[in-house]
Protein backbone atom coordinates (compact mmCIF):
# COMPACT_ATOMS: atom_id res chain seq x y z
CA MET A 1 24.37 8.32 -2.99
CA LYS A 2 23.60 4.37 -2.84
CA ARG A 3 20.16 2.84 -3.74
CA ILE A 4 18.89 -0.71 -5.10
CA GLN A 5 18.56 -0.51 -8.63
CA TYR A 6 18.49 -2.88 -11.80
CA HIS A 7 19.65 -2.68 -15.16
CA ARG A 8 17.29 -4.87 -16.91
CA TYR A 9 13.69 -6.15 -16.16
CA GLY A 10 13.93 -9.59 -14.42
CA GLY A 11 13.95 -11.41 -11.09
CA PRO A 12 15.24 -10.52 -7.74
CA GLU A 13 18.70 -11.60 -9.03
CA GLU A 14 18.86 -8.38 -11.01
CA MET A 15 18.89 -5.93 -7.97
CA ARG A 16 22.07 -4.44 -7.05
CA LEU A 17 22.75 -2.01 -4.32
CA GLU A 18 25.11 0.63 -6.30
CA THR A 19 26.32 4.12 -6.38
CA TYR A 20 23.96 6.52 -8.19
CA GLU A 21 23.97 10.09 -9.10
CA LEU A 22 20.74 11.58 -9.00
CA PRO A 23 19.31 13.91 -11.85
CA ALA A 24 19.19 17.73 -11.77
CA LEU A 25 16.19 19.03 -9.62
CA GLY A 26 13.40 20.04 -11.83
CA LYS A 27 11.30 23.38 -10.78
CA ASP A 28 8.31 21.20 -9.57
CA GLU A 29 10.64 18.72 -7.72
CA VAL A 30 11.98 18.09 -4.33
CA LEU A 31 15.01 16.23 -3.08
CA VAL A 32 14.70 14.11 0.21
CA ARG A 33 16.98 12.46 2.29
CA VAL A 34 15.08 9.20 2.74
CA LYS A 35 14.61 8.15 6.51
CA ALA A 36 12.49 4.90 5.70
CA ALA A 37 10.77 3.42 2.73
CA SER A 38 8.10 0.61 2.68
CA ILE A 39 7.98 -2.36 0.35
CA ASN A 40 5.16 -3.09 -1.76
CA PRO A 41 4.51 -5.87 -4.18
CA PHE A 42 4.16 -3.11 -6.80
CA ASP A 43 8.05 -2.60 -6.41
CA TRP A 44 8.91 -5.99 -7.78
CA LYS A 45 6.38 -6.14 -10.27
CA VAL A 46 7.57 -3.04 -11.88
CA ARG A 47 11.23 -4.51 -11.99
CA GLN A 48 9.72 -7.53 -13.45
CA GLY A 49 8.46 -5.73 -16.44
CA ALA A 50 4.73 -5.95 -15.62
CA MET A 51 4.68 -1.99 -15.91
CA LYS A 52 6.89 -1.40 -18.92
CA MET A 53 4.32 0.18 -20.98
CA PHE A 54 3.98 3.02 -18.32
CA VAL A 55 7.61 3.61 -16.85
CA ARG A 56 9.72 5.69 -18.96
CA GLY A 57 13.37 6.54 -18.58
CA LYS A 58 16.79 4.60 -19.22
CA PHE A 59 18.25 2.01 -17.25
CA PRO A 60 19.48 1.84 -14.49
CA ARG A 61 16.25 2.40 -12.65
CA GLY A 62 15.58 2.59 -8.77
CA MET A 63 13.45 0.52 -6.75
CA GLY A 64 10.65 1.44 -4.22
CA THR A 65 7.98 3.87 -4.10
CA ASP A 66 6.55 4.71 -0.59
CA PHE A 67 8.90 6.70 1.81
CA ALA A 68 9.27 9.28 4.51
CA GLY A 69 12.43 11.54 4.93
CA VAL A 70 13.65 15.12 5.20
CA VAL A 71 13.77 17.69 2.48
CA GLU A 72 17.24 18.90 1.50
CA ALA A 73 16.11 20.90 -1.59
CA VAL A 74 13.18 22.30 -3.53
CA GLY A 75 12.79 23.40 -7.19
CA ALA A 76 12.37 26.82 -8.18
CA SER A 77 8.51 26.87 -8.35
CA ILE A 78 7.91 25.20 -4.79
CA SER A 79 6.52 27.10 -1.95
CA ARG A 80 4.96 24.25 0.12
CA PHE A 81 8.05 22.77 1.50
CA ARG A 82 11.43 24.18 3.03
CA ILE A 83 14.66 22.42 3.70
CA GLY A 84 14.46 20.60 6.87
CA ASP A 85 10.65 19.67 6.57
CA GLU A 86 9.84 16.18 7.41
CA VAL A 87 7.73 14.67 4.73
CA LEU A 88 6.12 11.35 3.32
CA GLY A 89 4.88 10.44 0.15
CA THR A 90 5.66 8.38 -3.26
CA GLY A 91 8.44 8.42 -5.55
CA PRO A 92 8.27 8.43 -9.32
CA LEU A 93 6.90 5.30 -11.12
CA ALA A 94 10.72 4.48 -12.03
CA GLY A 95 11.17 4.10 -8.42
CA GLY A 96 14.04 5.30 -6.09
CA ALA A 97 12.78 5.14 -2.63
CA PHE A 98 15.30 2.19 -1.61
CA GLY A 99 18.18 4.52 -1.54
CA GLU A 100 19.76 7.27 0.61
CA GLN A 101 18.08 10.20 -1.14
CA LEU A 102 15.51 10.55 -3.96
CA VAL A 103 14.03 13.01 -6.40
CA THR A 104 10.06 13.38 -6.81
CA LYS A 105 7.35 15.43 -7.63
CA GLU A 106 6.00 17.93 -5.23
CA LYS A 107 2.53 17.04 -5.80
CA LEU A 108 3.35 13.54 -4.61
CA VAL A 109 4.31 14.66 -1.06
CA ILE A 110 2.87 15.88 2.21
CA LYS A 111 4.44 17.07 5.46
CA LYS A 112 4.67 14.39 8.07
CA PRO A 113 3.16 15.22 11.35
CA GLU A 114 5.33 14.67 14.60
CA ALA A 115 3.20 11.94 15.93
CA LEU A 116 4.27 9.51 13.45
CA SER A 117 7.92 8.10 13.10
CA PHE A 118 9.50 7.88 9.70
CA GLU A 119 8.70 4.05 9.65
CA GLN A 120 5.10 4.30 10.40
CA ALA A 121 4.73 7.21 7.76
CA ALA A 122 6.61 5.36 4.98
CA ALA A 123 4.11 2.41 5.72
CA LEU A 124 1.14 4.51 4.81
CA PRO A 125 0.74 5.57 1.39
CA ALA A 126 0.44 2.92 -1.06
CA VAL A 127 -1.73 0.44 1.19
CA ALA A 128 -3.81 2.97 3.00
CA VAL A 129 -4.84 5.10 -0.33
CA THR A 130 -5.69 1.67 -1.78
CA ALA A 131 -8.00 0.80 1.21
CA TRP A 132 -9.49 4.42 1.12
CA ARG A 133 -10.08 4.08 -2.47
CA ALA A 134 -11.83 0.72 -2.03
CA LEU A 135 -14.05 1.49 0.92
CA VAL A 136 -14.85 5.14 0.24
CA LEU A 137 -14.38 6.07 -3.27
CA LYS A 138 -15.86 2.70 -4.74
CA GLY A 139 -18.06 1.26 -1.91
CA HIS A 140 -19.39 4.54 -0.59
CA LEU A 141 -18.90 3.42 2.91
CA LYS A 142 -21.32 4.79 5.65
CA ALA A 143 -21.59 4.59 9.25
CA GLY A 144 -23.25 1.53 10.60
CA GLN A 145 -22.35 -0.64 7.42
CA ALA A 146 -20.83 -4.29 7.52
CA VAL A 147 -17.66 -4.81 5.77
CA PHE A 148 -15.84 -8.02 5.00
CA VAL A 149 -12.09 -7.86 4.36
CA ASN A 150 -10.36 -10.83 2.69
CA GLY A 151 -6.64 -10.97 3.80
CA ALA A 152 -7.49 -8.72 6.83
CA LEU A 153 -3.72 -8.56 8.31
CA GLY A 154 -1.85 -7.92 5.13
CA GLY A 155 -0.78 -4.27 4.45
CA VAL A 156 -4.07 -3.31 2.79
CA GLY A 157 -6.06 -5.53 4.86
CA GLN A 158 -5.00 -3.76 8.15
CA ALA A 159 -5.49 -0.34 6.66
CA ALA A 160 -9.13 -1.43 5.34
CA VAL A 161 -10.11 -2.60 8.87
CA TYR A 162 -8.77 0.57 10.78
CA ILE A 163 -10.36 2.73 8.15
CA ALA A 164 -13.73 1.08 8.23
CA LYS A 165 -13.90 0.87 12.09
CA ALA A 166 -12.84 4.68 12.30
CA MET A 167 -15.75 5.38 9.94
CA GLY A 168 -18.20 3.56 12.10
CA ALA A 169 -18.47 0.20 10.10
CA SER A 170 -18.32 -3.30 11.73
CA VAL A 171 -15.60 -5.54 10.22
CA ALA A 172 -15.48 -9.46 9.43
CA GLY A 173 -12.37 -10.85 7.84
CA ARG A 174 -10.49 -13.55 6.93
CA VAL A 175 -6.79 -14.40 7.70
CA GLY A 176 -4.45 -17.28 7.88
CA PRO A 177 -4.73 -19.82 10.83
CA SER A 178 -1.79 -18.50 12.74
CA ALA A 179 -3.20 -14.81 12.73
CA LEU A 180 -6.74 -15.56 14.17
CA GLU A 181 -6.07 -14.42 17.80
CA GLU A 182 -4.32 -11.46 16.52
CA ALA A 183 -7.06 -10.38 14.23
CA LYS A 184 -9.63 -10.33 17.01
CA THR A 185 -7.55 -8.05 19.07
CA ILE A 186 -8.03 -5.47 16.50
CA GLY A 187 -11.74 -5.85 16.32
CA ILE A 188 -12.08 -8.15 13.44
CA ASN A 189 -15.60 -10.01 14.22
CA PRO A 190 -16.00 -12.73 13.12
CA THR A 191 -12.66 -13.86 12.20
CA LEU A 192 -12.44 -16.74 9.74
CA ASP A 193 -9.34 -18.80 8.91
CA TYR A 194 -8.70 -18.79 4.84
CA THR A 195 -8.16 -22.56 4.93
CA LYS A 196 -11.71 -23.27 5.85
CA PRO A 197 -14.89 -22.74 3.91
CA ILE A 198 -16.79 -19.58 4.50
CA PRO A 199 -19.81 -20.47 6.49
CA SER A 200 -22.95 -19.68 4.63
CA SER A 201 -24.67 -18.03 7.84
CA LEU A 202 -22.52 -14.92 6.65
CA ASN A 203 -24.00 -14.79 3.08
CA GLY A 204 -25.83 -11.54 2.25
CA ARG A 205 -24.85 -9.75 5.16
CA PHE A 206 -22.14 -7.33 3.99
CA ASP A 207 -22.43 -3.78 2.26
CA ILE A 208 -18.75 -3.94 1.03
CA VAL A 209 -16.91 -7.06 0.51
CA PHE A 210 -12.95 -5.92 -0.16
CA ASP A 211 -10.71 -8.77 -1.51
CA THR A 212 -7.25 -7.40 -0.72
CA ASN A 213 -5.45 -10.50 -2.24
CA GLY A 214 -7.57 -11.69 -5.02
CA SER A 215 -8.18 -15.12 -3.50
CA LEU A 216 -12.14 -14.87 -3.11
CA SER A 217 -13.91 -16.69 -5.93
CA ILE A 218 -16.57 -14.66 -7.97
CA ALA A 219 -19.30 -16.87 -6.15
CA GLU A 220 -17.90 -16.38 -2.81
CA GLY A 221 -17.63 -12.63 -3.27
CA ASN A 222 -21.30 -12.49 -4.59
CA ALA A 223 -22.47 -14.69 -1.88
CA LEU A 224 -21.14 -12.61 1.13
CA ALA A 225 -22.54 -9.25 -0.44
CA LYS A 226 -25.83 -7.84 0.31
CA PRO A 227 -28.24 -7.67 -2.69
CA LYS A 228 -27.12 -3.80 -3.19
CA GLY A 229 -23.94 -4.54 -1.89
CA VAL A 230 -20.45 -4.07 -3.58
CA VAL A 231 -17.52 -6.36 -4.09
CA VAL A 232 -14.04 -4.78 -4.54
CA ASP A 233 -11.19 -6.44 -5.85
CA THR A 234 -7.42 -5.59 -6.25
CA ASN A 235 -7.00 -8.45 -8.87
CA PRO A 236 -8.56 -8.21 -12.09
CA THR A 237 -8.62 -11.49 -13.78
CA GLY A 238 -9.97 -12.04 -16.78
CA ALA A 239 -13.24 -13.50 -15.54
CA LYS A 240 -13.77 -11.20 -12.67
CA PHE A 241 -13.19 -8.08 -15.29
CA MET A 242 -15.76 -9.53 -17.53
CA LYS A 243 -18.28 -9.78 -14.61
CA SER A 244 -17.58 -6.12 -13.72
CA LEU A 245 -18.66 -5.01 -17.24
CA PHE A 246 -22.05 -6.32 -16.86
CA SER A 247 -22.46 -5.64 -12.96
CA SER A 248 -22.12 -2.45 -11.05
CA ARG A 249 -21.68 -4.66 -8.09
CA ARG A 250 -18.33 -5.71 -8.72
CA GLN A 251 -15.41 -2.90 -8.76
CA PHE A 252 -11.80 -2.84 -9.22
CA VAL A 253 -9.37 -0.81 -7.07
CA PHE A 254 -5.70 0.34 -7.81
CA GLY A 255 -3.44 2.38 -5.25
CA SER A 256 -2.61 5.54 -7.49
CA PRO A 257 -0.98 8.34 -5.60
CA ASP A 258 -3.59 10.86 -4.22
CA ILE A 259 -2.06 13.38 -1.68
CA GLY A 260 -5.77 14.42 -0.94
CA ILE A 261 -6.44 10.84 0.29
CA LEU A 262 -3.08 10.47 1.80
CA GLN A 263 -3.69 13.82 4.00
CA LYS A 264 -7.06 12.29 5.24
CA ILE A 265 -5.16 8.95 6.02
CA VAL A 266 -2.36 10.86 7.93
CA GLU A 267 -4.82 12.49 10.13
CA LEU A 268 -6.31 9.22 10.88
CA ALA A 269 -3.04 7.71 11.88
CA SER A 270 -1.75 10.79 13.88
CA SER A 271 -4.97 10.33 16.05
CA GLY A 272 -4.04 6.63 16.85
CA LYS A 273 -6.92 5.46 14.61
CA LEU A 274 -4.55 3.68 11.94
CA PRO A 275 -1.93 1.87 13.75
CA LEU A 276 -0.56 -0.12 10.96
CA THR A 277 1.83 -3.10 12.22
CA ILE A 278 5.59 -2.86 11.10
CA GLY A 279 6.27 -6.48 10.45
CA ARG A 280 9.81 -6.51 9.44
CA THR A 281 12.68 -4.16 8.92
CA ALA A 282 16.07 -4.13 7.47
CA PRO A 283 18.74 -1.56 6.72
CA LEU A 284 19.48 -0.65 3.28
CA ALA A 285 22.34 -2.84 2.90
CA GLU A 286 20.34 -5.93 3.68
CA ALA A 287 17.23 -4.92 1.80
CA ILE A 288 17.77 -6.93 -1.01
CA ALA A 289 17.43 -10.24 0.70
CA LEU A 290 14.32 -8.93 2.48
CA ILE A 291 12.68 -7.75 -0.88
CA SER A 292 13.66 -11.39 -2.34
CA ASP A 293 12.00 -13.01 0.57
CA LEU A 294 8.82 -11.11 0.33
CA GLU A 295 8.86 -11.64 -3.55
CA ALA A 296 9.22 -15.24 -3.07
CA GLY A 297 5.81 -15.45 -0.70
CA ARG A 298 7.31 -15.42 2.56
CA ARG A 299 5.23 -12.47 3.78
CA ALA A 300 5.24 -10.52 7.00
CA LYS A 301 1.89 -9.48 9.19
CA GLY A 302 1.84 -5.92 8.60
CA LYS A 303 4.49 -3.85 6.45
CA ALA A 304 8.07 -4.39 5.85
CA VAL A 305 10.04 -1.34 5.82
CA VAL A 306 13.55 -0.38 4.86
CA VAL A 307 15.25 1.92 7.26
CA MET A 308 18.31 4.00 6.46
CA SER A 309 21.01 4.82 8.66
C-alpha cells in the first residue's frame, strides 16, 4: 500500500508518498480501506515534533488522523464490526490516515450512516468533537443562550456554529472580510470582520465565547462574555493559561477522540444539522502539495479532504 509518511521530524519537505507494509492486526484493531481523510493542523504539528513526548513507535511514521472508509479485516476480539462495514473515526496518534489502508483501534471507530458521503464523514471527527467539547462540556450550552464564535468559518468554527444552532442557541461570529456574506447565510448574526475592532455594543452579551484560532486577546474575550459566561480557547498561550488557573471563566479545549461524542455528531450530520463545507480536495498523489499549502497558511473555507481512488 501507499501512504504519506516521514522519516524524521521536520517541515513539509519531510513528507513522502511511499510504499509501506502495515503491521499485523491486533485483537482489538480493525483494518480499513480508506476512502477519504480530512486534513487538520494537528497532522503537521505531529510531523513537526510538537507531540514527540506522546507519539511512540519507530520511523517512518504515517500522517493523517481523521478518516472514513470500509472495514477489510477485524481483530479476534471484535464483534461491533464486520468486513464490508462503512466506518469513520480516528487513526492512531502516530498517524496513517493519508494512505490507502490503515490499522486503528476499535474504540476509535464508529459506523458511517448511509446519509453521509465518505468525504463528509471524514471531515467530522477532530473539528466537531472539539466544538462539542467546547460548547457542551466546557460551556454547558443550553437552549436560548448566546454564543460568540471567533473564526466561525474554519472547520472547528463551522462545527461550533451548527452545533450551537442545533441546540437552540443564537450565534454571532467573526470571520475574514471575504467570508462575511457566506457567514450570514449560515445564520451567524451579527457577523463581524476580524480586520476591524469588535463593537463595544457586544460587550457582556454572550454566555459562551469560543475562540477557535486563539486570536482573541484576553481582554476581548472577557469583555464579550457575560459576568457568568465562559471563554473557551483552543490555544493555551502562557498568559491565557495563567488566567485559567485563577478564573473558572476561562477554559481550554482539546480535540481528544471520543466515539460517544462522535456518535452524537454523526446523528446531527445525518439529519442535515451539521453540513460542514468541504473546501478543497485532492487525490492521494497530490495531497502533499495540499497539506504544504495549508501548513503555509493558505487555508480553505471549511475542510480540506484527501480522496482515495
